[in-house]
């Protein structure tokens, strides 16, 4: 219940100022980081995804793509479809991880499956990747995604 109080007092008002996933002005990101860090460390997917974004883009914090991947993984494990799509991007571009289109497809597939209302970014990316990777790689990515789900996100490749 304490998390909900923190959420209502700090994160939601901050999200109104600068929505997660939007480019946060450097003057706001220390405030975001201060509010999001304890929540993310407790497994809050929105806060973890926000910290991943700050690290990936170096917004008010030193740019650190590897740290961004860690935050995104934690957020994806906790159910954030946006973090799954962010991981799809990171693996597809080789930002913070070795470029791997199979793992990129896997994370976009997980993002789409996790999303309650659909994730247009994940769908568009799956459509694009589906045209450039082989059928066997697509099958492998779907098997990896299934294994990831079944393991409770303990075995997700990469």
Protein backbone atom coordinates (compact mmCIF):
# COMPACT_ATOMS: atom_id res chain seq x y z
CA UNK A 1 0.00 0.00 0.00
CA UNK A 2 2.96 2.29 0.65
CA UNK A 3 3.96 2.05 -3.01
CA UNK A 4 0.55 3.30 -4.04
CA UNK A 5 0.98 6.35 -1.81
CA UNK A 6 4.40 7.08 -3.33
CA UNK A 7 2.96 6.44 -6.77
CA UNK A 8 0.13 8.91 -6.26
CA UNK A 9 2.24 11.56 -4.57
CA UNK A 10 5.33 11.53 -6.78
CA UNK A 11 5.21 9.50 -9.95
CA UNK A 12 1.81 10.43 -11.32
CA UNK A 13 2.35 14.19 -10.91
CA UNK A 14 5.77 13.84 -12.54
CA UNK A 15 4.31 11.80 -15.37
CA UNK A 16 1.90 14.64 -16.05
CA UNK A 17 4.88 16.98 -16.43
CA UNK A 18 6.89 14.67 -18.67
CA UNK A 19 5.24 11.41 -19.75
CA UNK A 20 7.36 8.26 -19.65
CA UNK A 21 8.92 7.67 -23.01
CA UNK A 22 8.93 11.37 -23.86
CA UNK A 23 12.17 13.30 -23.96
CA UNK A 24 12.49 14.72 -20.48
CA UNK A 25 14.18 18.08 -20.12
CA UNK A 26 17.49 17.72 -18.29
CA UNK A 27 16.12 19.89 -15.46
CA UNK A 28 13.33 17.39 -14.79
CA UNK A 29 15.22 14.10 -15.00
CA UNK A 30 16.96 14.32 -11.58
CA UNK A 31 13.47 14.67 -10.09
CA UNK A 32 12.27 11.70 -12.12
CA UNK A 33 15.32 9.67 -11.14
CA UNK A 34 14.83 10.46 -7.46
CA UNK A 35 11.16 9.48 -7.57
CA UNK A 36 11.52 6.47 -9.86
CA UNK A 37 14.62 4.79 -8.39
CA UNK A 38 13.08 3.45 -5.15
CA UNK A 39 9.95 2.37 -7.01
CA UNK A 40 11.94 0.67 -9.78
CA UNK A 41 14.09 -1.12 -7.22
CA UNK A 42 10.86 -2.49 -5.73
CA UNK A 43 9.81 -3.81 -9.15
CA UNK A 44 7.56 -1.02 -10.43
CA UNK A 45 7.59 -1.47 -14.23
CA UNK A 46 6.67 2.11 -15.12
CA UNK A 47 9.46 3.54 -12.98
CA UNK A 48 12.00 0.97 -14.25
CA UNK A 49 11.09 1.74 -17.86
CA UNK A 50 11.46 5.46 -17.15
CA UNK A 51 14.92 4.96 -15.66
CA UNK A 52 15.87 2.85 -18.68
CA UNK A 53 14.83 5.72 -20.92
CA UNK A 54 16.89 8.23 -18.94
CA UNK A 55 19.96 5.97 -19.09
CA UNK A 56 19.53 5.13 -22.77
CA UNK A 57 19.30 8.75 -23.81
CA UNK A 58 21.57 10.32 -21.17
CA UNK A 59 18.79 12.63 -20.09
CA UNK A 60 20.03 14.25 -16.89
CA UNK A 61 22.16 11.19 -16.14
CA UNK A 62 25.28 9.81 -17.82
CA UNK A 63 24.32 7.96 -21.00
CA UNK A 64 24.62 4.22 -20.30
CA UNK A 65 22.92 1.86 -22.73
CA UNK A 66 23.95 -1.26 -20.82
CA UNK A 67 22.31 0.09 -17.67
CA UNK A 68 19.25 1.02 -19.74
CA UNK A 69 18.98 -2.61 -20.88
CA UNK A 70 19.06 -3.75 -17.24
CA UNK A 71 16.25 -1.38 -16.28
CA UNK A 72 14.22 -2.35 -19.34
CA UNK A 73 14.64 -6.06 -18.54
CA UNK A 74 13.38 -5.51 -15.01
CA UNK A 75 10.42 -3.53 -16.29
CA UNK A 76 9.60 -6.16 -18.92
CA UNK A 77 9.75 -8.91 -16.28
CA UNK A 78 7.28 -6.88 -14.23
CA UNK A 79 4.88 -6.62 -17.19
CA UNK A 80 5.76 -3.44 -19.10
CA UNK A 81 5.02 -3.86 -22.80
CA UNK A 82 6.81 -0.55 -23.45
CA UNK A 83 9.98 -1.94 -21.86
CA UNK A 84 9.67 -5.06 -24.03
CA UNK A 85 9.44 -2.88 -27.12
CA UNK A 86 12.42 -0.85 -25.89
CA UNK A 87 14.41 -4.08 -25.54
CA UNK A 88 13.34 -5.05 -29.05
CA UNK A 89 14.83 -1.76 -30.25
CA UNK A 90 18.02 -2.23 -28.23
CA UNK A 91 18.63 -5.72 -29.66
CA UNK A 92 17.66 -4.64 -33.17
CA UNK A 93 20.06 -1.71 -33.16
CA UNK A 94 22.82 -3.22 -31.01
CA UNK A 95 22.48 -0.40 -28.48
CA UNK A 96 23.88 -1.65 -25.16
CA UNK A 97 23.81 -5.28 -26.31
CA UNK A 98 25.15 -7.26 -29.22
CA UNK A 99 22.84 -6.83 -32.20
CA UNK A 100 20.56 -9.87 -32.50
CA UNK A 101 17.48 -9.75 -34.71
CA UNK A 102 16.11 -13.00 -33.26
CA UNK A 103 16.15 -11.52 -29.75
CA UNK A 104 14.79 -8.27 -31.12
CA UNK A 105 11.85 -10.17 -32.63
CA UNK A 106 11.41 -12.10 -29.37
CA UNK A 107 11.17 -8.92 -27.27
CA UNK A 108 8.76 -7.24 -29.69
CA UNK A 109 6.63 -10.41 -29.60
CA UNK A 110 6.68 -10.34 -25.79
CA UNK A 111 5.74 -6.64 -25.83
CA UNK A 112 2.80 -7.30 -28.09
CA UNK A 113 1.65 -10.25 -25.97
CA UNK A 114 2.07 -8.26 -22.73
CA UNK A 115 0.11 -5.26 -23.96
CA UNK A 116 -3.50 -5.11 -22.85
CA UNK A 117 -4.54 -2.76 -25.62
CA UNK A 118 -2.01 -3.53 -28.34
CA UNK A 119 1.38 -1.99 -28.87
CA UNK A 120 1.62 -0.32 -32.28
CA UNK A 121 5.41 0.01 -32.08
CA UNK A 122 5.82 -3.69 -31.36
CA UNK A 123 3.40 -4.66 -34.13
CA UNK A 124 5.07 -2.46 -36.73
CA UNK A 125 8.50 -3.71 -35.71
CA UNK A 126 7.38 -7.35 -35.88
CA UNK A 127 5.95 -6.72 -39.34
CA UNK A 128 9.23 -5.15 -40.46
CA UNK A 129 11.48 -7.79 -38.88
CA UNK A 130 9.26 -10.53 -40.28
CA UNK A 131 10.27 -9.37 -43.76
CA UNK A 132 14.01 -9.47 -43.12
CA UNK A 133 14.58 -12.52 -40.90
CA UNK A 134 14.12 -16.10 -42.05
CA UNK A 135 11.14 -18.27 -41.17
CA UNK A 136 13.39 -20.43 -39.02
CA UNK A 137 14.66 -17.36 -37.12
CA UNK A 138 11.08 -16.18 -36.61
CA UNK A 139 10.15 -19.63 -35.27
CA UNK A 140 13.20 -19.60 -33.00
CA UNK A 141 12.24 -16.13 -31.69
CA UNK A 142 8.71 -17.32 -30.90
CA UNK A 143 10.10 -20.38 -29.11
CA UNK A 144 12.44 -18.15 -27.10
CA UNK A 145 9.52 -15.90 -26.19
CA UNK A 146 7.51 -18.91 -25.04
CA UNK A 147 10.47 -20.13 -22.97
CA UNK A 148 10.84 -16.67 -21.50
CA UNK A 149 7.19 -16.65 -20.43
CA UNK A 150 7.33 -20.18 -19.03
CA UNK A 151 10.47 -19.44 -17.00
CA UNK A 152 8.93 -16.33 -15.46
CA UNK A 153 11.39 -14.23 -17.50
CA UNK A 154 14.40 -16.04 -16.03
CA UNK A 155 15.43 -17.50 -19.41
CA UNK A 156 14.98 -14.86 -22.07
CA UNK A 157 18.14 -15.12 -24.10
CA UNK A 158 20.82 -12.47 -24.30
